[in-house]
């Protein structure tokens, strides 16, 4: 069974563009979209609206930095401090070019920090590359099945 991609993004335009880009990669992974950090933590910990979701962690978490309720850095910190979640790759997908955000993300254990490209074409290409890398090319930790790409 393929692990889903967890996309946490509050900007409707960026969310739509990211979903379009991921769809163009023909990945078979389901993309779960959430709008804030609190919802992301509820999903990961199977709480609230997500208490009945299937067991297992996502293949990757694509996480916006500036989120309502609980920001991306707090979500990242929670994931990387939890032995059950810390092996889940987290990609900070943000418009922030601030050095303090970049440094703090890496200090907290982010796997990659990607500044959202401004141009439409560049945005689509960047997200497609991210999706293929993290869902197909990246080797998951031992004990988890390597996802397959659909054709």
Protein backbone atom coordinates (compact mmCIF):
# COMPACT_ATOMS: atom_id res chain seq x y z
CA UNK A 1 0.00 0.00 0.00
CA UNK A 2 1.32 3.40 -0.98
CA UNK A 3 1.85 5.97 1.71
CA UNK A 4 0.07 9.29 1.16
CA UNK A 5 1.73 12.65 0.66
CA UNK A 6 0.63 15.07 3.37
CA UNK A 7 0.35 18.63 2.05
CA UNK A 8 -0.18 21.33 4.68
CA UNK A 9 -0.91 24.66 2.97
CA UNK A 10 -3.28 27.48 3.89
CA UNK A 11 -2.96 29.56 0.70
CA UNK A 12 -5.69 28.38 -1.73
CA UNK A 13 -3.70 29.44 -4.82
CA UNK A 14 -0.52 27.65 -3.71
CA UNK A 15 -2.57 24.62 -2.70
CA UNK A 16 -4.21 24.40 -6.12
CA UNK A 17 -0.91 24.85 -7.99
CA UNK A 18 0.79 22.23 -5.84
CA UNK A 19 -2.01 19.72 -6.47
CA UNK A 20 -1.87 20.38 -10.23
CA UNK A 21 1.91 19.90 -10.24
CA UNK A 22 1.73 16.67 -8.23
CA UNK A 23 -1.01 15.34 -10.53
CA UNK A 24 1.26 15.92 -13.55
CA UNK A 25 3.86 13.56 -12.07
CA UNK A 26 1.43 10.60 -12.30
CA UNK A 27 2.25 9.57 -8.75
CA UNK A 28 -0.14 6.95 -7.44
CA UNK A 29 0.17 8.31 -3.89
CA UNK A 30 -2.94 9.91 -2.44
CA UNK A 31 -2.40 13.56 -1.52
CA UNK A 32 -3.98 14.55 1.80
CA UNK A 33 -4.47 18.32 2.03
CA UNK A 34 -4.76 20.17 5.32
CA UNK A 35 -5.09 23.91 5.95
CA UNK A 36 -3.37 24.52 9.30
CA UNK A 37 -0.77 23.11 11.67
CA UNK A 38 -3.26 21.96 14.30
CA UNK A 39 -5.08 19.90 11.69
CA UNK A 40 -1.74 18.43 10.54
CA UNK A 41 -0.92 17.31 14.07
CA UNK A 42 -4.41 15.86 14.50
CA UNK A 43 -3.89 13.86 11.29
CA UNK A 44 -0.43 12.61 12.29
CA UNK A 45 -1.58 11.63 15.78
CA UNK A 46 -4.95 10.22 14.62
CA UNK A 47 -6.98 12.63 16.78
CA UNK A 48 -10.28 14.40 16.32
CA UNK A 49 -11.57 14.15 12.76
CA UNK A 50 -8.72 11.76 11.91
CA UNK A 51 -9.02 9.26 14.76
CA UNK A 52 -10.43 6.64 12.37
CA UNK A 53 -7.83 7.04 9.61
CA UNK A 54 -5.67 4.06 8.72
CA UNK A 55 -2.50 3.48 10.71
CA UNK A 56 0.78 4.55 9.15
CA UNK A 57 2.75 7.68 8.43
CA UNK A 58 2.85 9.67 5.21
CA UNK A 59 5.62 9.19 2.63
CA UNK A 60 6.49 12.88 3.05
CA UNK A 61 5.04 16.00 4.67
CA UNK A 62 5.08 19.12 2.46
CA UNK A 63 4.73 21.82 5.08
CA UNK A 64 4.14 25.55 4.70
CA UNK A 65 6.06 27.66 7.20
CA UNK A 66 3.45 30.27 8.04
CA UNK A 67 0.28 28.41 9.00
CA UNK A 68 -2.72 29.36 11.14
CA UNK A 69 -3.21 27.90 14.64
CA UNK A 70 0.13 26.04 14.84
CA UNK A 71 2.93 27.29 12.55
CA UNK A 72 5.08 25.05 10.38
CA UNK A 73 8.11 25.27 12.67
CA UNK A 74 6.05 24.02 15.62
CA UNK A 75 4.68 21.14 13.53
CA UNK A 76 8.21 20.30 12.36
CA UNK A 77 9.55 20.36 15.92
CA UNK A 78 6.76 18.07 17.13
CA UNK A 79 7.37 15.58 14.30
CA UNK A 80 11.13 15.44 14.77
CA UNK A 81 10.91 15.03 18.57
CA UNK A 82 8.52 12.07 18.31
CA UNK A 83 10.22 8.66 17.87
CA UNK A 84 7.17 7.40 15.95
CA UNK A 85 7.26 10.30 13.46
CA UNK A 86 10.87 11.49 13.28
CA UNK A 87 11.76 9.29 10.28
CA UNK A 88 8.99 10.90 8.19
CA UNK A 89 10.63 13.26 5.67
CA UNK A 90 9.49 16.86 6.09
CA UNK A 91 9.95 19.41 3.33
CA UNK A 92 9.39 23.03 4.30
CA UNK A 93 7.64 24.53 1.28
CA UNK A 94 7.53 28.26 1.84
CA UNK A 95 7.77 31.71 0.34
CA UNK A 96 10.10 32.82 3.17
CA UNK A 97 13.66 33.57 2.19
CA UNK A 98 14.50 34.73 5.70
CA UNK A 99 17.74 33.23 6.93
CA UNK A 100 16.34 32.78 10.46
CA UNK A 101 13.51 30.58 9.11
CA UNK A 102 15.95 28.52 7.07
CA UNK A 103 18.37 28.05 9.97
CA UNK A 104 15.66 27.22 12.49
CA UNK A 105 14.09 24.69 10.11
CA UNK A 106 17.38 22.85 9.71
CA UNK A 107 18.11 23.03 13.46
CA UNK A 108 14.74 21.37 14.06
CA UNK A 109 15.53 18.58 11.58
CA UNK A 110 13.83 19.51 8.30
CA UNK A 111 14.84 17.26 5.41
CA UNK A 112 14.65 20.02 2.80
CA UNK A 113 13.80 23.72 2.68
CA UNK A 114 12.28 24.83 -0.62
CA UNK A 115 11.37 28.41 -1.43
CA UNK A 116 8.26 28.44 -3.61
CA UNK A 117 9.18 29.68 -7.08
CA UNK A 118 7.29 32.83 -8.09
CA UNK A 119 6.74 31.97 -11.75
CA UNK A 120 3.96 29.55 -12.67
CA UNK A 121 6.12 27.27 -14.84
CA UNK A 122 8.95 27.21 -12.28
CA UNK A 123 6.47 26.48 -9.48
CA UNK A 124 4.98 23.51 -11.38
CA UNK A 125 8.41 22.10 -12.27
CA UNK A 126 9.73 22.51 -8.73
CA UNK A 127 6.76 20.74 -7.15
CA UNK A 128 6.88 17.95 -9.72
CA UNK A 129 10.55 17.37 -8.92
CA UNK A 130 9.78 17.37 -5.18
CA UNK A 131 6.95 14.87 -5.56
CA UNK A 132 8.99 12.46 -7.65
CA UNK A 133 12.03 12.69 -5.39
CA UNK A 134 10.28 12.19 -2.05
CA UNK A 135 7.60 9.72 -3.16
CA UNK A 136 9.62 7.66 -5.66
CA UNK A 137 13.38 8.20 -5.60
CA UNK A 138 14.04 8.68 -1.89
CA UNK A 139 14.84 5.48 -0.01
CA UNK A 140 12.51 5.16 2.98
CA UNK A 141 13.79 3.87 6.31
CA UNK A 142 14.12 0.07 6.64
CA UNK A 143 10.85 -1.68 7.30
CA UNK A 144 8.68 0.54 5.11
CA UNK A 145 7.65 -0.37 1.59
CA UNK A 146 9.10 1.69 -1.25
CA UNK A 147 6.23 3.38 -3.11
CA UNK A 148 5.70 2.59 -6.77
CA UNK A 149 5.02 5.10 -9.51
CA UNK A 150 2.00 4.59 -11.71
CA UNK A 151 2.35 4.93 -15.46
